[in-house]
Amino acid sequence: MRENYRTLKSLGTKELIISKSRFIAHCTRVETEEEALAFIQHIKKEHSSATHNCSAYLIGEHDQIQKANDDGEPSGTAGVPMLDVLKKQGLKDCVVVVTRYYGGIKLGAGGLVRAYGKATSQGLEAAQIVERKLHKKMKVSVDYTLLGKIENEIRQSDYILDEIVYAEGVDFFVFVDRHEEDAFREWMTNLTSAQSEISVVEERFLEF
C-alpha cells in the first residue's frame, strides 16, 4: 500500500496569453484512467471550437499509467512537456488538459514546449498541490479523571485530535503518522500510568 504522495487538491484552471494565442490549463485529481479520459473528453466538448486540446496524465503508485497527447500540435511539443511537468513536481493520480486557441503567430517547436509547460505549471498552482500522508486513527480510552490532562497533552502535541466521545469513560480519537504508532502508544501509556486502552480504528490518508 502506498504511503505519502503528492497530488492535486481540486480542479484548477488558469488562462494565459502567449503571442496572441490563448492557453487554458485544466488540472484535476483522478484515480483511474477512465476518469482521466472522461475529464479529457469533457474539456474537449467544452472547448470544441479550440485549435488544440492537448493532454497528459499520470496514474498509479509507480506511474504505471502515463499518457501524453499532442492533439495536432507538432509531435513532442505539447503532451510530453506537460507530462514532464507532472513528473518533475512528483505528482500522482492527476490529469491536465491545455486548451489552445491559436492567435495567428507561430511559436516554433521550442516556443510550444515552453508555452505548454508554463501553462501546465500555472494550472497546477491553481489546483493546489497537496501531500497525502497515511495515518492511523487511534482510539484511546481512559477514565474521566484523566480527561483534562490527556486532552491538554494531545492538543499541545503534533498528533491530530479528531474527536472526543463521552460514554462510560472517555474515548479520544487521534490521527497518528503510521510510522509513529509505537511512539504514540508508549507516550500515552506513560501519560496515563498504563491506565488506558489503545487500539487502531482505521488507516486513512490526510492531506496537507
Foldseek 3Di string as FASTA:
>chain_A
DDFKAKAFDAWFWDWDADPQKIKIKIKGFAADVVVQVVVLVVVCVVPVVFPAWWKWAAHDPVSPDIDTGPRPDPPPQARVLLNVLCVVVRYYRMMMIMTIHDRPDDLPSVRSSVVNNVRSVVRRVRRDMKMWGKWWWKKKWAAPVCVVVVVVVCVPDPWAWDDWDDDNTIITIIIGRPVCPVVVVVVVCVSRVNRIDMDTDDMDIDID
